[in-house]
PDB file of all heavy atoms in Angstrom:
ATOM      1  N   SER A   1       2.274 -10.740 -26.238  1.00  0.00           N
ATOM      2  CA  SER A   1       3.566 -10.862 -25.599  1.00  0.00           C
ATOM      3  C   SER A   1       3.714 -12.018 -24.656  1.00  0.00           C
ATOM      4  O   SER A   1       2.774 -12.258 -23.808  1.00  0.00           O
ATOM      5  CB  SER A   1       3.909  -9.530 -24.861  1.00  0.00           C
ATOM      6  OG  SER A   1       2.978  -9.315 -23.809  1.00  0.00           O
ATOM      7  N   GLU A   2       4.951 -12.665 -24.811  1.00  0.00           N
ATOM      8  CA  GLU A   2       5.106 -13.785 -23.806  1.00  0.00           C
ATOM      9  C   GLU A   2       6.165 -13.306 -22.902  1.00  0.00           C
ATOM     10  O   GLU A   2       7.360 -13.244 -23.119  1.00  0.00           O
ATOM     11  CB  GLU A   2       5.584 -14.932 -24.614  1.00  0.00           C
ATOM     12  CG  GLU A   2       4.554 -15.573 -25.482  1.00  0.00           C
ATOM     13  CD  GLU A   2       5.087 -16.904 -26.125  1.00  0.00           C
ATOM     14  OE1 GLU A   2       6.079 -17.431 -25.835  1.00  0.00           O
ATOM     15  OE2 GLU A   2       4.254 -17.469 -26.951  1.00  0.00           O
ATOM     16  N   ASP A   3       5.662 -12.974 -21.628  1.00  0.00           N
ATOM     17  CA  ASP A   3       6.575 -12.540 -20.616  1.00  0.00           C
ATOM     18  C   ASP A   3       7.359 -13.686 -20.058  1.00  0.00           C
ATOM     19  O   ASP A   3       6.856 -14.712 -19.707  1.00  0.00           O
ATOM     20  CB  ASP A   3       5.681 -11.955 -19.450  1.00  0.00           C
ATOM     21  CG  ASP A   3       6.457 -11.278 -18.345  1.00  0.00           C
ATOM     22  OD1 ASP A   3       7.284 -11.989 -17.754  1.00  0.00           O
ATOM     23  OD2 ASP A   3       6.293 -10.054 -18.147  1.00  0.00           O
ATOM     24  N   GLU A   4       8.738 -13.518 -20.141  1.00  0.00           N
ATOM     25  CA  GLU A   4       9.632 -14.615 -19.865  1.00  0.00           C
ATOM     26  C   GLU A   4       9.430 -15.044 -18.354  1.00  0.00           C
ATOM     27  O   GLU A   4       9.543 -16.230 -18.037  1.00  0.00           O
ATOM     28  CB  GLU A   4      11.082 -14.157 -20.056  1.00  0.00           C
ATOM     29  CG  GLU A   4      11.365 -14.101 -21.556  1.00  0.00           C
ATOM     30  CD  GLU A   4      12.918 -13.810 -21.876  1.00  0.00           C
ATOM     31  OE1 GLU A   4      13.664 -13.931 -20.813  1.00  0.00           O
ATOM     32  OE2 GLU A   4      13.251 -13.562 -23.002  1.00  0.00           O
ATOM     33  N   ALA A   5       9.136 -14.055 -17.498  1.00  0.00           N
ATOM     34  CA  ALA A   5       9.019 -14.364 -16.054  1.00  0.00           C
ATOM     35  C   ALA A   5       7.755 -15.282 -15.940  1.00  0.00           C
ATOM     36  O   ALA A   5       7.769 -16.160 -15.164  1.00  0.00           O
ATOM     37  CB  ALA A   5       8.816 -13.132 -15.275  1.00  0.00           C
ATOM     38  N   ILE A   6       6.740 -14.867 -16.600  1.00  0.00           N
ATOM     39  CA  ILE A   6       5.515 -15.708 -16.514  1.00  0.00           C
ATOM     40  C   ILE A   6       5.679 -17.037 -17.081  1.00  0.00           C
ATOM     41  O   ILE A   6       5.358 -18.035 -16.417  1.00  0.00           O
ATOM     42  CB  ILE A   6       4.302 -14.995 -17.314  1.00  0.00           C
ATOM     43  CG1 ILE A   6       3.867 -13.755 -16.561  1.00  0.00           C
ATOM     44  CG2 ILE A   6       3.069 -15.945 -17.473  1.00  0.00           C
ATOM     45  CD1 ILE A   6       2.857 -12.953 -17.278  1.00  0.00           C
ATOM     46  N   GLU A   7       6.387 -17.173 -18.215  1.00  0.00           N
ATOM     47  CA  GLU A   7       6.634 -18.471 -18.935  1.00  0.00           C
ATOM     48  C   GLU A   7       7.396 -19.390 -17.890  1.00  0.00           C
ATOM     49  O   GLU A   7       7.153 -20.558 -17.790  1.00  0.00           O
ATOM     50  CB  GLU A   7       7.366 -18.240 -20.138  1.00  0.00           C
ATOM     51  CG  GLU A   7       6.507 -17.585 -21.249  1.00  0.00           C
ATOM     52  CD  GLU A   7       5.206 -18.362 -21.554  1.00  0.00           C
ATOM     53  OE1 GLU A   7       5.202 -19.615 -21.707  1.00  0.00           O
ATOM     54  OE2 GLU A   7       4.147 -17.657 -21.725  1.00  0.00           O
ATOM     55  N   ARG A   8       8.441 -18.859 -17.241  1.00  0.00           N
ATOM     56  CA  ARG A   8       9.220 -19.637 -16.333  1.00  0.00           C
ATOM     57  C   ARG A   8       8.522 -20.080 -15.144  1.00  0.00           C
ATOM     58  O   ARG A   8       8.524 -21.248 -14.711  1.00  0.00           O
ATOM     59  CB  ARG A   8      10.495 -18.800 -15.849  1.00  0.00           C
ATOM     60  CG  ARG A   8      11.579 -18.619 -16.877  1.00  0.00           C
ATOM     61  CD  ARG A   8      12.849 -18.195 -16.278  1.00  0.00           C
ATOM     62  NE  ARG A   8      12.661 -16.882 -15.674  1.00  0.00           N
ATOM     63  CZ  ARG A   8      12.891 -15.684 -16.253  1.00  0.00           C
ATOM     64  NH1 ARG A   8      13.214 -15.696 -17.479  1.00  0.00           N
ATOM     65  NH2 ARG A   8      12.742 -14.581 -15.471  1.00  0.00           N
ATOM     66  N   ALA A   9       7.670 -19.107 -14.629  1.00  0.00           N
ATOM     67  CA  ALA A   9       6.816 -19.577 -13.435  1.00  0.00           C
ATOM     68  C   ALA A   9       5.856 -20.558 -13.747  1.00  0.00           C
ATOM     69  O   ALA A   9       5.687 -21.544 -12.995  1.00  0.00           O
ATOM     70  CB  ALA A   9       6.159 -18.228 -12.922  1.00  0.00           C
ATOM     71  N   VAL A  10       5.166 -20.493 -14.905  1.00  0.00           N
ATOM     72  CA  VAL A  10       4.212 -21.531 -15.345  1.00  0.00           C
ATOM     73  C   VAL A  10       4.816 -22.869 -15.510  1.00  0.00           C
ATOM     74  O   VAL A  10       4.378 -23.873 -15.086  1.00  0.00           O
ATOM     75  CB  VAL A  10       3.370 -20.952 -16.556  1.00  0.00           C
ATOM     76  CG1 VAL A  10       2.595 -22.105 -17.198  1.00  0.00           C
ATOM     77  CG2 VAL A  10       2.507 -19.837 -16.170  1.00  0.00           C
ATOM     78  N   ALA A  11       6.016 -22.853 -16.220  1.00  0.00           N
ATOM     79  CA  ALA A  11       6.681 -24.100 -16.495  1.00  0.00           C
ATOM     80  C   ALA A  11       7.079 -24.784 -15.070  1.00  0.00           C
ATOM     81  O   ALA A  11       6.837 -25.964 -14.996  1.00  0.00           O
ATOM     82  CB  ALA A  11       7.958 -23.842 -17.291  1.00  0.00           C
ATOM     83  N   GLN A  12       7.463 -24.047 -14.109  1.00  0.00           N
ATOM     84  CA  GLN A  12       7.863 -24.570 -12.893  1.00  0.00           C
ATOM     85  C   GLN A  12       6.578 -25.127 -12.117  1.00  0.00           C
ATOM     86  O   GLN A  12       6.604 -26.258 -11.548  1.00  0.00           O
ATOM     87  CB  GLN A  12       8.499 -23.507 -11.920  1.00  0.00           C
ATOM     88  CG  GLN A  12       8.887 -23.959 -10.650  1.00  0.00           C
ATOM     89  CD  GLN A  12       9.577 -22.954  -9.760  1.00  0.00           C
ATOM     90  OE1 GLN A  12      10.110 -21.887 -10.267  1.00  0.00           O
ATOM     91  NE2 GLN A  12       9.621 -23.003  -8.390  1.00  0.00           N
ATOM     92  N   ILE A  13       5.539 -24.333 -12.181  1.00  0.00           N
ATOM     93  CA  ILE A  13       4.278 -24.681 -11.548  1.00  0.00           C
ATOM     94  C   ILE A  13       3.777 -26.012 -12.082  1.00  0.00           C
ATOM     95  O   ILE A  13       3.335 -27.011 -11.373  1.00  0.00           O
ATOM     96  CB  ILE A  13       3.156 -23.647 -11.589  1.00  0.00           C
ATOM     97  CG1 ILE A  13       3.631 -22.485 -10.706  1.00  0.00           C
ATOM     98  CG2 ILE A  13       1.742 -24.197 -11.135  1.00  0.00           C
ATOM     99  CD1 ILE A  13       2.793 -21.205 -10.963  1.00  0.00           C
ATOM    100  N   LEU A  14       3.656 -26.158 -13.406  1.00  0.00           N
ATOM    101  CA  LEU A  14       3.164 -27.317 -14.116  1.00  0.00           C
ATOM    102  C   LEU A  14       4.047 -28.598 -13.800  1.00  0.00           C
ATOM    103  O   LEU A  14       3.542 -29.680 -13.518  1.00  0.00           O
ATOM    104  CB  LEU A  14       3.116 -27.154 -15.615  1.00  0.00           C
ATOM    105  CG  LEU A  14       2.063 -26.119 -16.085  1.00  0.00           C
ATOM    106  CD1 LEU A  14       2.190 -25.923 -17.662  1.00  0.00           C
ATOM    107  CD2 LEU A  14       0.616 -26.503 -15.745  1.00  0.00           C
ATOM    108  N   ALA A  15       5.359 -28.325 -13.804  1.00  0.00           N
ATOM    109  CA  ALA A  15       6.192 -29.486 -13.442  1.00  0.00           C
ATOM    110  C   ALA A  15       6.037 -29.993 -12.041  1.00  0.00           C
ATOM    111  O   ALA A  15       5.982 -31.174 -11.628  1.00  0.00           O
ATOM    112  CB  ALA A  15       7.666 -29.088 -13.667  1.00  0.00           C
ATOM    113  N   ASP A  16       5.784 -29.004 -11.148  1.00  0.00           N
ATOM    114  CA  ASP A  16       5.614 -29.325  -9.680  1.00  0.00           C
ATOM    115  C   ASP A  16       4.265 -30.107  -9.581  1.00  0.00           C
ATOM    116  O   ASP A  16       4.215 -31.075  -8.816  1.00  0.00           O
ATOM    117  CB  ASP A  16       5.589 -28.122  -8.880  1.00  0.00           C
ATOM    118  CG  ASP A  16       5.844 -28.230  -7.474  1.00  0.00           C
ATOM    119  OD1 ASP A  16       6.298 -29.391  -7.088  1.00  0.00           O
ATOM    120  OD2 ASP A  16       5.706 -27.307  -6.674  1.00  0.00           O
ATOM    121  N   VAL A  17       3.285 -29.606 -10.192  1.00  0.00           N
ATOM    122  CA  VAL A  17       1.963 -30.275 -10.101  1.00  0.00           C
ATOM    123  C   VAL A  17       2.029 -31.680 -10.658  1.00  0.00           C
ATOM    124  O   VAL A  17       1.405 -32.641 -10.122  1.00  0.00           O
ATOM    125  CB  VAL A  17       0.827 -29.404 -10.830  1.00  0.00           C
ATOM    126  CG1 VAL A  17      -0.481 -30.175 -10.941  1.00  0.00           C
ATOM    127  CG2 VAL A  17       0.578 -28.083 -10.037  1.00  0.00           C
ATOM    128  N   LYS A  18       2.744 -31.821 -11.725  1.00  0.00           N
ATOM    129  CA  LYS A  18       2.746 -33.173 -12.405  1.00  0.00           C
ATOM    130  C   LYS A  18       3.599 -34.124 -11.400  1.00  0.00           C
ATOM    131  O   LYS A  18       3.333 -35.305 -11.444  1.00  0.00           O
ATOM    132  CB  LYS A  18       3.601 -32.988 -13.703  1.00  0.00           C
ATOM    133  CG  LYS A  18       3.533 -34.254 -14.606  1.00  0.00           C
ATOM    134  CD  LYS A  18       4.165 -33.968 -15.919  1.00  0.00           C
ATOM    135  CE  LYS A  18       4.086 -35.207 -16.830  1.00  0.00           C
ATOM    136  NZ  LYS A  18       4.662 -34.902 -18.128  1.00  0.00           N
ATOM    137  N   THR A  19       4.522 -33.532 -10.623  1.00  0.00           N
ATOM    138  CA  THR A  19       5.349 -34.400  -9.808  1.00  0.00           C
ATOM    139  C   THR A  19       4.719 -34.711  -8.442  1.00  0.00           C
ATOM    140  O   THR A  19       4.593 -35.808  -7.917  1.00  0.00           O
ATOM    141  CB  THR A  19       6.722 -33.801  -9.539  1.00  0.00           C
ATOM    142  OG1 THR A  19       7.388 -33.612 -10.793  1.00  0.00           O
ATOM    143  CG2 THR A  19       7.672 -34.626  -8.733  1.00  0.00           C
ATOM    144  N   ARG A  20       4.206 -33.602  -7.857  1.00  0.00           N
ATOM    145  CA  ARG A  20       3.713 -33.690  -6.516  1.00  0.00           C
ATOM    146  C   ARG A  20       2.205 -33.769  -6.299  1.00  0.00           C
ATOM    147  O   ARG A  20       1.591 -33.939  -5.231  1.00  0.00           O
ATOM    148  CB  ARG A  20       4.250 -32.597  -5.669  1.00  0.00           C
ATOM    149  CG  ARG A  20       5.740 -32.573  -5.452  1.00  0.00           C
ATOM    150  CD  ARG A  20       6.162 -31.667  -4.333  1.00  0.00           C
ATOM    151  NE  ARG A  20       5.775 -30.293  -4.511  1.00  0.00           N
ATOM    152  CZ  ARG A  20       5.131 -29.465  -3.501  1.00  0.00           C
ATOM    153  NH1 ARG A  20       4.842 -30.055  -2.455  1.00  0.00           N
ATOM    154  NH2 ARG A  20       4.931 -28.193  -3.857  1.00  0.00           N
ATOM    155  N   GLY A  21       1.436 -33.492  -7.420  1.00  0.00           N
ATOM    156  CA  GLY A  21      -0.003 -33.640  -7.416  1.00  0.00           C
ATOM    157  C   GLY A  21      -0.699 -32.665  -6.397  1.00  0.00           C
ATOM    158  O   GLY A  21      -0.433 -31.497  -6.378  1.00  0.00           O
ATOM    159  N   ASP A  22      -1.547 -33.273  -5.551  1.00  0.00           N
ATOM    160  CA  ASP A  22      -2.272 -32.449  -4.630  1.00  0.00           C
ATOM    161  C   ASP A  22      -1.426 -31.464  -3.744  1.00  0.00           C
ATOM    162  O   ASP A  22      -1.842 -30.346  -3.541  1.00  0.00           O
ATOM    163  CB  ASP A  22      -3.062 -33.356  -3.682  1.00  0.00           C
ATOM    164  CG  ASP A  22      -4.461 -33.772  -4.144  1.00  0.00           C
ATOM    165  OD1 ASP A  22      -4.723 -33.373  -5.397  1.00  0.00           O
ATOM    166  OD2 ASP A  22      -5.225 -34.391  -3.447  1.00  0.00           O
ATOM    167  N   ALA A  23      -0.303 -32.044  -3.379  1.00  0.00           N
ATOM    168  CA  ALA A  23       0.556 -31.189  -2.449  1.00  0.00           C
ATOM    169  C   ALA A  23       0.928 -29.858  -3.057  1.00  0.00           C
ATOM    170  O   ALA A  23       0.977 -28.797  -2.480  1.00  0.00           O
ATOM    171  CB  ALA A  23       1.716 -32.044  -2.066  1.00  0.00           C
ATOM    172  N   ALA A  24       1.355 -29.968  -4.338  1.00  0.00           N
ATOM    173  CA  ALA A  24       1.705 -28.794  -5.065  1.00  0.00           C
ATOM    174  C   ALA A  24       0.531 -27.798  -5.302  1.00  0.00           C
ATOM    175  O   ALA A  24       0.579 -26.686  -5.110  1.00  0.00           O
ATOM    176  CB  ALA A  24       2.367 -29.067  -6.440  1.00  0.00           C
ATOM    177  N   VAL A  25      -0.647 -28.463  -5.695  1.00  0.00           N
ATOM    178  CA  VAL A  25      -1.863 -27.606  -5.963  1.00  0.00           C
ATOM    179  C   VAL A  25      -2.256 -26.860  -4.759  1.00  0.00           C
ATOM    180  O   VAL A  25      -2.622 -25.666  -4.631  1.00  0.00           O
ATOM    181  CB  VAL A  25      -2.977 -28.440  -6.498  1.00  0.00           C
ATOM    182  CG1 VAL A  25      -4.232 -27.659  -6.522  1.00  0.00           C
ATOM    183  CG2 VAL A  25      -2.678 -29.082  -7.789  1.00  0.00           C
ATOM    184  N   LEU A  26      -2.064 -27.567  -3.559  1.00  0.00           N
ATOM    185  CA  LEU A  26      -2.437 -26.940  -2.261  1.00  0.00           C
ATOM    186  C   LEU A  26      -1.577 -25.865  -1.868  1.00  0.00           C
ATOM    187  O   LEU A  26      -2.012 -24.786  -1.456  1.00  0.00           O
ATOM    188  CB  LEU A  26      -2.469 -28.124  -1.220  1.00  0.00           C
ATOM    189  CG  LEU A  26      -3.045 -27.606   0.195  1.00  0.00           C
ATOM    190  CD1 LEU A  26      -4.561 -27.244   0.088  1.00  0.00           C
ATOM    191  CD2 LEU A  26      -2.732 -28.708   1.211  1.00  0.00           C
ATOM    192  N   ASP A  27      -0.213 -26.021  -2.071  1.00  0.00           N
ATOM    193  CA  ASP A  27       0.738 -25.066  -1.728  1.00  0.00           C
ATOM    194  C   ASP A  27       0.493 -23.771  -2.513  1.00  0.00           C
ATOM    195  O   ASP A  27       0.515 -22.682  -1.982  1.00  0.00           O
ATOM    196  CB  ASP A  27       2.202 -25.552  -1.956  1.00  0.00           C
ATOM    197  CG  ASP A  27       2.624 -26.594  -0.910  1.00  0.00           C
ATOM    198  OD1 ASP A  27       1.843 -26.657   0.035  1.00  0.00           O
ATOM    199  OD2 ASP A  27       3.662 -27.267  -1.255  1.00  0.00           O
ATOM    200  N   TYR A  28       0.324 -23.960  -3.822  1.00  0.00           N
ATOM    201  CA  TYR A  28       0.215 -22.732  -4.710  1.00  0.00           C
ATOM    202  C   TYR A  28      -1.199 -22.075  -4.501  1.00  0.00           C
ATOM    203  O   TYR A  28      -1.284 -20.825  -4.419  1.00  0.00           O
ATOM    204  CB  TYR A  28       0.243 -23.018  -6.192  1.00  0.00           C
ATOM    205  CG  TYR A  28       1.668 -23.534  -6.523  1.00  0.00           C
ATOM    206  CD1 TYR A  28       1.850 -24.810  -7.070  1.00  0.00           C
ATOM    207  CD2 TYR A  28       2.715 -22.660  -6.539  1.00  0.00           C
ATOM    208  CE1 TYR A  28       3.175 -25.203  -7.431  1.00  0.00           C
ATOM    209  CE2 TYR A  28       3.991 -23.033  -6.863  1.00  0.00           C
ATOM    210  CZ  TYR A  28       4.217 -24.341  -7.367  1.00  0.00           C
ATOM    211  OH  TYR A  28       5.439 -24.676  -7.819  1.00  0.00           O
ATOM    212  N   THR A  29      -2.248 -22.833  -4.225  1.00  0.00           N
ATOM    213  CA  THR A  29      -3.560 -22.280  -3.927  1.00  0.00           C
ATOM    214  C   THR A  29      -3.537 -21.451  -2.614  1.00  0.00           C
ATOM    215  O   THR A  29      -4.079 -20.363  -2.541  1.00  0.00           O
ATOM    216  CB  THR A  29      -4.639 -23.392  -3.940  1.00  0.00           C
ATOM    217  OG1 THR A  29      -4.637 -24.026  -5.219  1.00  0.00           O
ATOM    218  CG2 THR A  29      -5.961 -22.698  -3.674  1.00  0.00           C
ATOM    219  N   ASN A  30      -2.943 -22.017  -1.656  1.00  0.00           N
ATOM    220  CA  ASN A  30      -2.877 -21.353  -0.351  1.00  0.00           C
ATOM    221  C   ASN A  30      -2.092 -20.002  -0.443  1.00  0.00           C
ATOM    222  O   ASN A  30      -2.387 -19.013   0.081  1.00  0.00           O
ATOM    223  CB  ASN A  30      -2.330 -22.175   0.734  1.00  0.00           C
ATOM    224  CG  ASN A  30      -3.404 -23.246   1.319  1.00  0.00           C
ATOM    225  OD1 ASN A  30      -4.577 -23.048   1.182  1.00  0.00           O
ATOM    226  ND2 ASN A  30      -2.958 -24.322   1.837  1.00  0.00           N
ATOM    227  N   LYS A  31      -1.013 -20.200  -1.268  1.00  0.00           N
ATOM    228  CA  LYS A  31      -0.125 -18.970  -1.373  1.00  0.00           C
ATOM    229  C   LYS A  31      -0.796 -17.889  -2.316  1.00  0.00           C
ATOM    230  O   LYS A  31      -0.886 -16.792  -1.803  1.00  0.00           O
ATOM    231  CB  LYS A  31       1.140 -19.408  -2.078  1.00  0.00           C
ATOM    232  CG  LYS A  31       2.123 -18.256  -2.402  1.00  0.00           C
ATOM    233  CD  LYS A  31       3.310 -18.816  -3.166  1.00  0.00           C
ATOM    234  CE  LYS A  31       4.263 -17.600  -3.510  1.00  0.00           C
ATOM    235  NZ  LYS A  31       5.499 -18.133  -4.200  1.00  0.00           N
ATOM    236  N   PHE A  32      -1.237 -18.128  -3.458  1.00  0.00           N
ATOM    237  CA  PHE A  32      -1.756 -17.161  -4.354  1.00  0.00           C
ATOM    238  C   PHE A  32      -3.193 -16.626  -3.993  1.00  0.00           C
ATOM    239  O   PHE A  32      -3.473 -15.417  -4.272  1.00  0.00           O
ATOM    240  CB  PHE A  32      -1.733 -17.730  -5.798  1.00  0.00           C
ATOM    241  CG  PHE A  32      -0.394 -17.995  -6.312  1.00  0.00           C
ATOM    242  CD1 PHE A  32      -0.227 -19.239  -7.077  1.00  0.00           C
ATOM    243  CD2 PHE A  32       0.679 -17.112  -6.070  1.00  0.00           C
ATOM    244  CE1 PHE A  32       1.132 -19.477  -7.471  1.00  0.00           C
ATOM    245  CE2 PHE A  32       1.960 -17.507  -6.589  1.00  0.00           C
ATOM    246  CZ  PHE A  32       2.124 -18.627  -7.292  1.00  0.00           C
ATOM    247  N   ASP A  33      -3.901 -17.493  -3.478  1.00  0.00           N
ATOM    248  CA  ASP A  33      -5.327 -17.088  -3.073  1.00  0.00           C
ATOM    249  C   ASP A  33      -5.518 -16.824  -1.668  1.00  0.00           C
ATOM    250  O   ASP A  33      -6.573 -16.519  -1.162  1.00  0.00           O
ATOM    251  CB  ASP A  33      -6.337 -18.223  -3.522  1.00  0.00           C
ATOM    252  CG  ASP A  33      -6.477 -18.296  -4.971  1.00  0.00           C
ATOM    253  OD1 ASP A  33      -6.027 -17.327  -5.672  1.00  0.00           O
ATOM    254  OD2 ASP A  33      -6.989 -19.267  -5.509  1.00  0.00           O
TER     255      ASP A  33
END
């Protein structure tokens, strides 16, 4: 099953990492972990 909420979240995260690099990775890592 492809959960639409998961797919949207992942698409946003990947786009953010592609654009902001380390800053995005750091934000998500601090938040989720």
